[in-house]
Amino acid sequence: MRFDTSEYPKGEKAVDPKRVRRLKMLSVVATCTCVLMYVSYIPQIIANFSGHPVTPIQPFVAMINAILWTGYGWFKTFKDWPVIIANVPGIFFGLFTVITVYIH
């Protein structure tokens, strides 16, 4: 199995170093934002435990979405770690939110 070495073409097919830096920064910001999006389920989980259950549809669909994106990142020729890292929390937080809707 091959992994992305983060090496970009050199010579005639070289990628501008500024573009590489911007793309890496964008991947870090997008990964952090995605993780924060899934961590924001904590208030819903607390509401579920407090006896005010939320609808399970949105966290369930978010969990399915996270599973699909994690699979996409995992099965690419080169593992797409920002995509994988950003979506794994969505699997767990989405599942936990759905479970706590029914257990309160």
PDB file of N, CA and C in Angstrom:
ATOM      1  N   MET A   1       0.833  -1.164   0.000  1.00  0.00           N
ATOM      2  CA  MET A   1       0.000   0.000   0.000  1.00  0.00           C
ATOM      3  C   MET A   1       0.888   1.240   0.000  1.00  0.00           C
ATOM      4  N   ARG A   2       0.531   2.212  -0.831  1.00  0.00           N
ATOM      5  CA  ARG A   2       1.316   3.433  -0.919  1.00  0.00           C
ATOM      6  C   ARG A   2       0.694   4.529  -0.079  1.00  0.00           C
ATOM      7  N   PHE A   3       1.537   5.395   0.461  1.00  0.00           N
ATOM      8  CA  PHE A   3       1.084   6.526   1.252  1.00  0.00           C
ATOM      9  C   PHE A   3       1.564   7.808   0.595  1.00  0.00           C
ATOM     10  N   ASP A   4       0.794   8.851   0.770  1.00  0.00           N
ATOM     11  CA  ASP A   4       1.172  10.159   0.254  1.00  0.00           C
ATOM     12  C   ASP A   4       2.372  10.667   1.043  1.00  0.00           C
ATOM     13  N   THR A   5       3.451  10.941   0.350  1.00  0.00           N
ATOM     14  CA  THR A   5       4.663  11.435   1.006  1.00  0.00           C
ATOM     15  C   THR A   5       4.666  12.954   1.092  1.00  0.00           C
ATOM     16  N   SER A   6       3.624  13.571   0.609  1.00  0.00           N
ATOM     17  CA  SER A   6       3.489  15.032   0.575  1.00  0.00           C
ATOM     18  C   SER A   6       4.561  15.685  -0.285  1.00  0.00           C
ATOM     19  N   GLU A   7       5.175  14.920  -1.139  1.00  0.00           N
ATOM     20  CA  GLU A   7       6.156  15.489  -2.061  1.00  0.00           C
ATOM     21  C   GLU A   7       5.441  15.894  -3.335  1.00  0.00           C
ATOM     22  N   TYR A   8       5.721  17.085  -3.770  1.00  0.00           N
ATOM     23  CA  TYR A   8       5.092  17.599  -4.974  1.00  0.00           C
ATOM     24  C   TYR A   8       6.087  17.532  -6.130  1.00  0.00           C
ATOM     25  N   PRO A   9       5.570  17.504  -7.360  1.00  0.00           N
ATOM     26  CA  PRO A   9       6.460  17.412  -8.519  1.00  0.00           C
ATOM     27  C   PRO A   9       7.456  18.560  -8.553  1.00  0.00           C
ATOM     28  N   LYS A  10       8.616  18.247  -9.065  1.00  0.00           N
ATOM     29  CA  LYS A  10       9.674  19.250  -9.202  1.00  0.00           C
ATOM     30  C   LYS A  10       9.951  19.456 -10.688  1.00  0.00           C
ATOM     31  N   GLY A  11      10.724  20.463 -10.980  1.00  0.00           N
ATOM     32  CA  GLY A  11      11.108  20.716 -12.366  1.00  0.00           C
ATOM     33  C   GLY A  11       9.981  21.341 -13.154  1.00  0.00           C
ATOM     34  N   GLU A  12       9.739  20.807 -14.331  1.00  0.00           N
ATOM     35  CA  GLU A  12       8.767  21.363 -15.255  1.00  0.00           C
ATOM     36  C   GLU A  12       7.336  21.319 -14.694  1.00  0.00           C
ATOM     37  N   LYS A  13       7.027  20.292 -13.909  1.00  0.00           N
ATOM     38  CA  LYS A  13       5.683  20.134 -13.357  1.00  0.00           C
ATOM     39  C   LYS A  13       5.596  20.611 -11.907  1.00  0.00           C
ATOM     40  N   ALA A  14       6.504  21.468 -11.509  1.00  0.00           N
ATOM     41  CA  ALA A  14       6.575  21.929 -10.117  1.00  0.00           C
ATOM     42  C   ALA A  14       5.318  22.689  -9.711  1.00  0.00           C
ATOM     43  N   VAL A  15       4.977  22.537  -8.443  1.00  0.00           N
ATOM     44  CA  VAL A  15       3.846  23.256  -7.857  1.00  0.00           C
ATOM     45  C   VAL A  15       4.421  24.421  -7.050  1.00  0.00           C
ATOM     46  N   ASP A  16       3.788  25.581  -7.194  1.00  0.00           N
ATOM     47  CA  ASP A  16       4.243  26.775  -6.484  1.00  0.00           C
ATOM     48  C   ASP A  16       4.245  26.514  -4.971  1.00  0.00           C
ATOM     49  N   PRO A  17       5.378  26.750  -4.291  1.00  0.00           N
ATOM     50  CA  PRO A  17       5.456  26.500  -2.839  1.00  0.00           C
ATOM     51  C   PRO A  17       4.408  27.271  -2.034  1.00  0.00           C
ATOM     52  N   LYS A  18       4.035  28.468  -2.491  1.00  0.00           N
ATOM     53  CA  LYS A  18       2.996  29.229  -1.797  1.00  0.00           C
ATOM     54  C   LYS A  18       1.658  28.492  -1.861  1.00  0.00           C
ATOM     55  N   ARG A  19       1.378  27.905  -3.014  1.00  0.00           N
ATOM     56  CA  ARG A  19       0.135  27.143  -3.166  1.00  0.00           C
ATOM     57  C   ARG A  19       0.146  25.926  -2.252  1.00  0.00           C
ATOM     58  N   VAL A  20       1.275  25.242  -2.160  1.00  0.00           N
ATOM     59  CA  VAL A  20       1.400  24.070  -1.291  1.00  0.00           C
ATOM     60  C   VAL A  20       1.143  24.471   0.156  1.00  0.00           C
ATOM     61  N   ARG A  21       1.740  25.572   0.598  1.00  0.00           N
ATOM     62  CA  ARG A  21       1.536  26.053   1.963  1.00  0.00           C
ATOM     63  C   ARG A  21       0.080  26.401   2.226  1.00  0.00           C
ATOM     64  N   ARG A  22      -0.556  27.086   1.271  1.00  0.00           N
ATOM     65  CA  ARG A  22      -1.969  27.455   1.432  1.00  0.00           C
ATOM     66  C   ARG A  22      -2.854  26.213   1.506  1.00  0.00           C
ATOM     67  N   LEU A  23      -2.573  25.208   0.680  1.00  0.00           N
ATOM     68  CA  LEU A  23      -3.368  23.976   0.707  1.00  0.00           C
ATOM     69  C   LEU A  23      -3.198  23.230   2.025  1.00  0.00           C
ATOM     70  N   LYS A  24      -1.973  23.184   2.534  1.00  0.00           N
ATOM     71  CA  LYS A  24      -1.743  22.509   3.814  1.00  0.00           C
ATOM     72  C   LYS A  24      -2.447  23.257   4.942  1.00  0.00           C
ATOM     73  N   MET A  25      -2.388  24.580   4.931  1.00  0.00           N
ATOM     74  CA  MET A  25      -3.072  25.376   5.943  1.00  0.00           C
ATOM     75  C   MET A  25      -4.582  25.179   5.838  1.00  0.00           C
ATOM     76  N   LEU A  26      -5.098  25.164   4.617  1.00  0.00           N
ATOM     77  CA  LEU A  26      -6.526  24.940   4.415  1.00  0.00           C
ATOM     78  C   LEU A  26      -6.940  23.572   4.956  1.00  0.00           C
ATOM     79  N   SER A  27      -6.122  22.548   4.752  1.00  0.00           N
ATOM     80  CA  SER A  27      -6.468  21.216   5.253  1.00  0.00           C
ATOM     81  C   SER A  27      -6.482  21.189   6.776  1.00  0.00           C
ATOM     82  N   VAL A  28      -5.580  21.922   7.419  1.00  0.00           N
ATOM     83  CA  VAL A  28      -5.557  21.972   8.885  1.00  0.00           C
ATOM     84  C   VAL A  28      -6.801  22.702   9.401  1.00  0.00           C
ATOM     85  N   VAL A  29      -7.120  23.842   8.805  1.00  0.00           N
ATOM     86  CA  VAL A  29      -8.289  24.613   9.236  1.00  0.00           C
ATOM     87  C   VAL A  29      -9.575  23.812   8.996  1.00  0.00           C
ATOM     88  N   ALA A  30      -9.694  23.182   7.836  1.00  0.00           N
ATOM     89  CA  ALA A  30     -10.889  22.395   7.527  1.00  0.00           C
ATOM     90  C   ALA A  30     -11.022  21.197   8.463  1.00  0.00           C
ATOM     91  N   THR A  31      -9.913  20.544   8.786  1.00  0.00           N
ATOM     92  CA  THR A  31      -9.941  19.401   9.705  1.00  0.00           C
ATOM     93  C   THR A  31     -10.397  19.848  11.088  1.00  0.00           C
ATOM     94  N   CYS A  32      -9.836  20.939  11.592  1.00  0.00           N
ATOM     95  CA  CYS A  32     -10.228  21.444  12.914  1.00  0.00           C
ATOM     96  C   CYS A  32     -11.692  21.857  12.936  1.00  0.00           C
ATOM     97  N   THR A  33     -12.156  22.519  11.895  1.00  0.00           N
ATOM     98  CA  THR A  33     -13.545  22.947  11.817  1.00  0.00           C
ATOM     99  C   THR A  33     -14.486  21.745  11.796  1.00  0.00           C
ATOM    100  N   CYS A  34     -14.124  20.721  11.073  1.00  0.00           N
ATOM    101  CA  CYS A  34     -14.959  19.522  10.993  1.00  0.00           C
ATOM    102  C   CYS A  34     -15.034  18.826  12.349  1.00  0.00           C
ATOM    103  N   VAL A  35     -13.905  18.711  13.030  1.00  0.00           N
ATOM    104  CA  VAL A  35     -13.897  18.094  14.361  1.00  0.00           C
ATOM    105  C   VAL A  35     -14.766  18.919  15.317  1.00  0.00           C
ATOM    106  N   LEU A  36     -14.646  20.239  15.278  1.00  0.00           N
ATOM    107  CA  LEU A  36     -15.469  21.097  16.136  1.00  0.00           C
ATOM    108  C   LEU A  36     -16.960  20.945  15.825  1.00  0.00           C
ATOM    109  N   MET A  37     -17.276  20.745  14.555  1.00  0.00           N
ATOM    110  CA  MET A  37     -18.675  20.548  14.171  1.00  0.00           C
ATOM    111  C   MET A  37     -19.243  19.312  14.871  1.00  0.00           C
ATOM    112  N   TYR A  38     -18.462  18.247  14.921  1.00  0.00           N
ATOM    113  CA  TYR A  38     -18.947  17.026  15.551  1.00  0.00           C
ATOM    114  C   TYR A  38     -18.919  17.127  17.074  1.00  0.00           C
ATOM    115  N   VAL A  39     -17.962  17.833  17.626  1.00  0.00           N
ATOM    116  CA  VAL A  39     -17.902  18.026  19.078  1.00  0.00           C
ATOM    117  C   VAL A  39     -19.106  18.849  19.547  1.00  0.00           C
ATOM    118  N   SER A  40     -19.672  19.638  18.648  1.00  0.00           N
ATOM    119  CA  SER A  40     -20.833  20.452  19.022  1.00  0.00           C
ATOM    120  C   SER A  40     -22.063  19.604  19.322  1.00  0.00           C
ATOM    121  N   TYR A  41     -21.991  18.311  19.149  1.00  0.00           N
ATOM    122  CA  TYR A  41     -23.092  17.421  19.538  1.00  0.00           C
ATOM    123  C   TYR A  41     -23.174  17.254  21.054  1.00  0.00           C
ATOM    124  N   ILE A  42     -22.152  17.648  21.774  1.00  0.00           N
ATOM    125  CA  ILE A  42     -22.146  17.470  23.233  1.00  0.00           C
ATOM    126  C   ILE A  42     -23.362  18.128  23.890  1.00  0.00           C
ATOM    127  N   PRO A  43     -23.756  19.365  23.539  1.00  0.00           N
ATOM    128  CA  PRO A  43     -24.978  19.929  24.142  1.00  0.00           C
ATOM    129  C   PRO A  43     -26.236  19.104  23.838  1.00  0.00           C
ATOM    130  N   GLN A  44     -26.301  18.515  22.646  1.00  0.00           N
ATOM    131  CA  GLN A  44     -27.443  17.665  22.322  1.00  0.00           C
ATOM    132  C   GLN A  44     -27.443  16.403  23.175  1.00  0.00           C
ATOM    133  N   ILE A  45     -26.271  15.850  23.395  1.00  0.00           N
ATOM    134  CA  ILE A  45     -26.156  14.667  24.242  1.00  0.00           C
ATOM    135  C   ILE A  45     -26.583  15.016  25.670  1.00  0.00           C
ATOM    136  N   ILE A  46     -26.145  16.173  26.166  1.00  0.00           N
ATOM    137  CA  ILE A  46     -26.531  16.616  27.507  1.00  0.00           C
ATOM    138  C   ILE A  46     -28.047  16.814  27.581  1.00  0.00           C
ATOM    139  N   ALA A  47     -28.629  17.404  26.535  1.00  0.00           N
ATOM    140  CA  ALA A  47     -30.092  17.584  26.503  1.00  0.00           C
ATOM    141  C   ALA A  47     -30.800  16.235  26.522  1.00  0.00           C
ATOM    142  N   ASN A  48     -30.265  15.264  25.813  1.00  0.00           N
ATOM    143  CA  ASN A  48     -30.866  13.929  25.808  1.00  0.00           C
ATOM    144  C   ASN A  48     -30.860  13.336  27.205  1.00  0.00           C
ATOM    145  N   PHE A  49     -29.744  13.461  27.911  1.00  0.00           N
ATOM    146  CA  PHE A  49     -29.648  12.918  29.265  1.00  0.00           C
ATOM    147  C   PHE A  49     -30.500  13.708  30.255  1.00  0.00           C
ATOM    148  N   SER A  50     -30.790  14.969  29.937  1.00  0.00           N
ATOM    149  CA  SER A  50     -31.593  15.815  30.827  1.00  0.00           C
ATOM    150  C   SER A  50     -33.097  15.585  30.645  1.00  0.00           C
ATOM    151  N   GLY A  51     -33.460  14.689  29.750  1.00  0.00           N
ATOM    152  CA  GLY A  51     -34.873  14.401  29.529  1.00  0.00           C
ATOM    153  C   GLY A  51     -35.515  15.233  28.443  1.00  0.00           C
ATOM    154  N   HIS A  52     -34.713  15.938  27.656  1.00  0.00           N
ATOM    155  CA  HIS A  52     -35.216  16.742  26.551  1.00  0.00           C
ATOM    156  C   HIS A  52     -34.591  16.226  25.256  1.00  0.00           C
ATOM    157  N   PRO A  53     -35.005  15.037  24.810  1.00  0.00           N
ATOM    158  CA  PRO A  53     -34.337  14.441  23.646  1.00  0.00           C
ATOM    159  C   PRO A  53     -34.523  15.265  22.370  1.00  0.00           C
ATOM    160  N   VAL A  54     -33.480  15.287  21.580  1.00  0.00           N
ATOM    161  CA  VAL A  54     -33.500  15.973  20.289  1.00  0.00           C
ATOM    162  C   VAL A  54     -33.873  14.950  19.221  1.00  0.00           C
ATOM    163  N   THR A  55     -34.175  15.432  18.048  1.00  0.00           N
ATOM    164  CA  THR A  55     -34.490  14.516  16.953  1.00  0.00           C
ATOM    165  C   THR A  55     -33.226  13.766  16.536  1.00  0.00           C
ATOM    166  N   PRO A  56     -33.312  12.473  16.297  1.00  0.00           N
ATOM    167  CA  PRO A  56     -32.120  11.696  15.952  1.00  0.00           C
ATOM    168  C   PRO A  56     -31.740  11.755  14.469  1.00  0.00           C
ATOM    169  N   ILE A  57     -32.548  12.380  13.641  1.00  0.00           N
ATOM    170  CA  ILE A  57     -32.314  12.332  12.192  1.00  0.00           C
ATOM    171  C   ILE A  57     -31.002  13.001  11.805  1.00  0.00           C
ATOM    172  N   GLN A  58     -30.786  14.241  12.257  1.00  0.00           N
ATOM    173  CA  GLN A  58     -29.578  14.971  11.848  1.00  0.00           C
ATOM    174  C   GLN A  58     -28.303  14.292  12.320  1.00  0.00           C
ATOM    175  N   PRO A  59     -28.176  13.887  13.598  1.00  0.00           N
ATOM    176  CA  PRO A  59     -26.942  13.204  13.991  1.00  0.00           C
ATOM    177  C   PRO A  59     -26.759  11.856  13.283  1.00  0.00           C
ATOM    178  N   PHE A  60     -27.860  11.176  12.974  1.00  0.00           N
ATOM    179  CA  PHE A  60     -27.759   9.904  12.255  1.00  0.00           C
ATOM    180  C   PHE A  60     -27.223  10.118  10.844  1.00  0.00           C
ATOM    181  N   VAL A  61     -27.766  11.112  10.153  1.00  0.00           N
ATOM    182  CA  VAL A  61     -27.299  11.415   8.795  1.00  0.00           C
ATOM    183  C   VAL A  61     -25.850  11.903   8.823  1.00  0.00           C
ATOM    184  N   ALA A  62     -25.493  12.699   9.831  1.00  0.00           N
ATOM    185  CA  ALA A  62     -24.105  13.151   9.968  1.00  0.00           C
ATOM    186  C   ALA A  62     -23.172  11.971  10.206  1.00  0.00           C
ATOM    187  N   MET A  63     -23.628  10.982  10.988  1.00  0.00           N
ATOM    188  CA  MET A  63     -22.808   9.797  11.231  1.00  0.00           C
ATOM    189  C   MET A  63     -22.589   9.014   9.930  1.00  0.00           C
ATOM    190  N   ILE A  64     -23.650   8.834   9.147  1.00  0.00           N
ATOM    191  CA  ILE A  64     -23.522   8.141   7.857  1.00  0.00           C
ATOM    192  C   ILE A  64     -22.563   8.905   6.944  1.00  0.00           C
ATOM    193  N   ASN A  65     -22.707  10.225   6.912  1.00  0.00           N
ATOM    194  CA  ASN A  65     -21.812  11.061   6.109  1.00  0.00           C
ATOM    195  C   ASN A  65     -20.360  10.880   6.549  1.00  0.00           C
ATOM    196  N   ALA A  66     -20.129  10.876   7.864  1.00  0.00           N
ATOM    197  CA  ALA A  66     -18.770  10.712   8.389  1.00  0.00           C
ATOM    198  C   ALA A  66     -18.212   9.334   8.036  1.00  0.00           C
ATOM    199  N   ILE A  67     -19.048   8.298   8.083  1.00  0.00           N
ATOM    200  CA  ILE A  67     -18.607   6.951   7.703  1.00  0.00           C
ATOM    201  C   ILE A  67     -18.178   6.931   6.237  1.00  0.00           C
ATOM    202  N   LEU A  68     -18.993   7.550   5.385  1.00  0.00           N
ATOM    203  CA  LEU A  68     -18.676   7.565   3.949  1.00  0.00           C
ATOM    204  C   LEU A  68     -17.385   8.329   3.665  1.00  0.00           C
ATOM    205  N   TRP A  69     -17.211   9.506   4.287  1.00  0.00           N
ATOM    206  CA  TRP A  69     -15.995  10.283   4.059  1.00  0.00           C
ATOM    207  C   TRP A  69     -14.761   9.596   4.638  1.00  0.00           C
ATOM    208  N   THR A  70     -14.915   8.944   5.786  1.00  0.00           N
ATOM    209  CA  THR A  70     -13.792   8.207   6.361  1.00  0.00           C
ATOM    210  C   THR A  70     -13.396   7.065   5.435  1.00  0.00           C
ATOM    211  N   GLY A  71     -14.380   6.355   4.920  1.00  0.00           N
ATOM    212  CA  GLY A  71     -14.096   5.278   3.958  1.00  0.00           C
ATOM    213  C   GLY A  71     -13.424   5.803   2.710  1.00  0.00           C
ATOM    214  N   TYR A  72     -13.884   6.927   2.218  1.00  0.00           N
ATOM    215  CA  TYR A  72     -13.268   7.539   1.041  1.00  0.00           C
ATOM    216  C   TYR A  72     -11.798   7.860   1.308  1.00  0.00           C
ATOM    217  N   GLY A  73     -11.528   8.496   2.428  1.00  0.00           N
ATOM    218  CA  GLY A  73     -10.148   8.857   2.765  1.00  0.00           C
ATOM    219  C   GLY A  73      -9.276   7.638   2.985  1.00  0.00           C
ATOM    220  N   TRP A  74      -9.858   6.573   3.537  1.00  0.00           N
ATOM    221  CA  TRP A  74      -9.087   5.362   3.853  1.00  0.00           C
ATOM    222  C   TRP A  74      -8.752   4.562   2.594  1.00  0.00           C
ATOM    223  N   PHE A  75      -9.702   4.455   1.673  1.00  0.00           N
ATOM    224  CA  PHE A  75      -9.523   3.576   0.523  1.00  0.00           C
ATOM    225  C   PHE A  75      -8.931   4.256  -0.709  1.00  0.00           C
ATOM    226  N   LYS A  76      -8.599   5.538  -0.612  1.00  0.00           N
ATOM    227  CA  LYS A  76      -7.901   6.184  -1.727  1.00  0.00           C
ATOM    228  C   LYS A  76      -6.534   5.537  -1.911  1.00  0.00           C
ATOM    229  N   THR A  77      -5.940   5.705  -3.071  1.00  0.00           N
ATOM    230  CA  THR A  77      -4.609   5.158  -3.312  1.00  0.00           C
ATOM    231  C   THR A  77      -3.635   5.632  -2.251  1.00  0.00           C
ATOM    232  N   PHE A  78      -3.675   6.913  -1.961  1.00  0.00           N
ATOM    233  CA  PHE A  78      -2.890   7.480  -0.873  1.00  0.00           C
ATOM    234  C   PHE A  78      -3.885   7.887   0.205  1.00  0.00           C
ATOM    235  N   LYS A  79      -3.734   7.370   1.408  1.00  0.00           N
ATOM    236  CA  LYS A  79      -4.669   7.683   2.490  1.00  0.00           C
ATOM    237  C   LYS A  79      -4.746   9.198   2.679  1.00  0.00           C
ATOM    238  N   ASP A  80      -5.947   9.704   2.747  1.00  0.00           N
ATOM    239  CA  ASP A  80      -6.178  11.133   2.910  1.00  0.00           C
ATOM    240  C   ASP A  80      -6.422  11.407   4.394  1.00  0.00           C
ATOM    241  N   TRP A  81      -5.334  11.566   5.147  1.00  0.00           N
ATOM    242  CA  TRP A  81      -5.414  11.676   6.599  1.00  0.00           C
ATOM    243  C   TRP A  81      -6.240  12.847   7.097  1.00  0.00           C
ATOM    244  N   PRO A  82      -6.172  14.030   6.484  1.00  0.00           N
ATOM    245  CA  PRO A  82      -7.050  15.105   6.973  1.00  0.00           C
ATOM    246  C   PRO A  82      -8.533  14.722   6.896  1.00  0.00           C
ATOM    247  N   VAL A  83      -8.939  14.057   5.835  1.00  0.00           N
ATOM    248  CA  VAL A  83     -10.335  13.640   5.688  1.00  0.00           C
ATOM    249  C   VAL A  83     -10.682  12.579   6.737  1.00  0.00           C
ATOM    250  N   ILE A  84      -9.786  11.638   6.945  1.00  0.00           N
ATOM    251  CA  ILE A  84     -10.028  10.575   7.929  1.00  0.00           C
ATOM    252  C   ILE A  84     -10.113  11.158   9.337  1.00  0.00           C
ATOM    253  N   ILE A  85      -9.121  11.946   9.715  1.00  0.00           N
ATOM    254  CA  ILE A  85      -9.069  12.517  11.072  1.00  0.00           C
ATOM    255  C   ILE A  85     -10.273  13.423  11.329  1.00  0.00           C
ATOM    256  N   ALA A  86     -10.682  14.173  10.313  1.00  0.00           N
ATOM    257  CA  ALA A  86     -11.802  15.097  10.488  1.00  0.00           C
ATOM    258  C   ALA A  86     -13.123  14.375  10.684  1.00  0.00           C
ATOM    259  N   ASN A  87     -13.280  13.186  10.122  1.00  0.00           N
ATOM    260  CA  ASN A  87     -14.584  12.529  10.137  1.00  0.00           C
ATOM    261  C   ASN A  87     -14.743  11.412  11.150  1.00  0.00           C
ATOM    262  N   VAL A  88     -13.671  10.859  11.674  1.00  0.00           N
ATOM    263  CA  VAL A  88     -13.794   9.802  12.685  1.00  0.00           C
ATOM    264  C   VAL A  88     -14.584  10.287  13.910  1.00  0.00           C
ATOM    265  N   PRO A  89     -14.349  11.508  14.422  1.00  0.00           N
ATOM    266  CA  PRO A  89     -15.179  11.944  15.554  1.00  0.00           C
ATOM    267  C   PRO A  89     -16.667  11.988  15.220  1.00  0.00           C
ATOM    268  N   GLY A  90     -16.996  12.273  13.975  1.00  0.00           N
ATOM    269  CA  GLY A  90     -18.400  12.315  13.566  1.00  0.00           C
ATOM    270  C   GLY A  90     -19.084  10.975  13.681  1.00  0.00           C
ATOM    271  N   ILE A  91     -18.334   9.912  13.450  1.00  0.00           N
ATOM    272  CA  ILE A  91     -18.908   8.569  13.592  1.00  0.00           C
ATOM    273  C   ILE A  91     -19.307   8.351  15.044  1.00  0.00           C
ATOM    274  N   PHE A  92     -18.394   8.641  15.958  1.00  0.00           N
ATOM    275  CA  PHE A  92     -18.634   8.371  17.371  1.00  0.00           C
ATOM    276  C   PHE A  92     -19.640   9.345  17.996  1.00  0.00           C
ATOM    277  N   PHE A  93     -19.484  10.652  17.743  1.00  0.00           N
ATOM    278  CA  PHE A  93     -20.406  11.619  18.320  1.00  0.00           C
ATOM    279  C   PHE A  93     -21.811  11.463  17.731  1.00  0.00           C
ATOM    280  N   GLY A  94     -21.913  11.198  16.436  1.00  0.00           N
ATOM    281  CA  GLY A  94     -23.222  10.973  15.825  1.00  0.00           C
ATOM    282  C   GLY A  94     -23.905   9.750  16.406  1.00  0.00           C
ATOM    283  N   LEU A  95     -23.160   8.654  16.509  1.00  0.00           N
ATOM    284  CA  LEU A  95     -23.714   7.417  17.072  1.00  0.00           C
ATOM    285  C   LEU A  95     -24.127   7.617  18.528  1.00  0.00           C
ATOM    286  N   PHE A  96     -23.263   8.246  19.306  1.00  0.00           N
ATOM    287  CA  PHE A  96     -23.556   8.457  20.723  1.00  0.00           C
ATOM    288  C   PHE A  96     -24.774   9.359  20.900  1.00  0.00           C
ATOM    289  N   THR A  97     -24.909  10.374  20.060  1.00  0.00           N
ATOM    290  CA  THR A  97     -26.065  11.264  20.135  1.00  0.00           C
ATOM    291  C   THR A  97     -27.352  10.498  19.829  1.00  0.00           C
ATOM    292  N   VAL A  98     -27.326   9.675  18.775  1.00  0.00           N
ATOM    293  CA  VAL A  98     -28.515   8.881  18.419  1.00  0.00           C
ATOM    294  C   VAL A  98     -28.875   7.920  19.546  1.00  0.00           C
ATOM    295  N   ILE A  99     -27.874   7.261  20.120  1.00  0.00           N
ATOM    296  CA  ILE A  99     -28.142   6.304  21.207  1.00  0.00           C
ATOM    297  C   ILE A  99     -28.756   7.025  22.407  1.00  0.00           C
ATOM    298  N   THR A 100     -28.218   8.203  22.743  1.00  0.00           N
ATOM    299  CA  THR A 100     -28.725   8.899  23.929  1.00  0.00           C
ATOM    300  C   THR A 100     -30.123   9.476  23.736  1.00  0.00           C
ATOM    301  N   VAL A 101     -30.589   9.594  22.497  1.00  0.00           N
ATOM    302  CA  VAL A 101     -31.977  10.014  22.286  1.00  0.00           C
ATOM    303  C   VAL A 101     -32.924   8.978  22.890  1.00  0.00           C
ATOM    304  N   TYR A 102     -32.556   7.713  22.778  1.00  0.00           N
ATOM    305  CA  TYR A 102     -33.421   6.621  23.233  1.00  0.00           C
ATOM    306  C   TYR A 102     -33.115   6.147  24.643  1.00  0.00           C
ATOM    307  N   ILE A 103     -31.968   6.558  25.196  1.00  0.00           N
ATOM    308  CA  ILE A 103     -31.593   6.177  26.556  1.00  0.00           C
ATOM    309  C   ILE A 103     -31.474   7.455  27.377  1.00  0.00           C
ATOM    310  N   HIS A 104     -32.518   7.815  28.054  1.00  0.00           N
ATOM    311  CA  HIS A 104     -32.482   9.030  28.884  1.00  0.00           C
ATOM    312  C   HIS A 104     -33.333   8.862  30.119  1.00  0.00           C
TER     313      HIS A 104
END
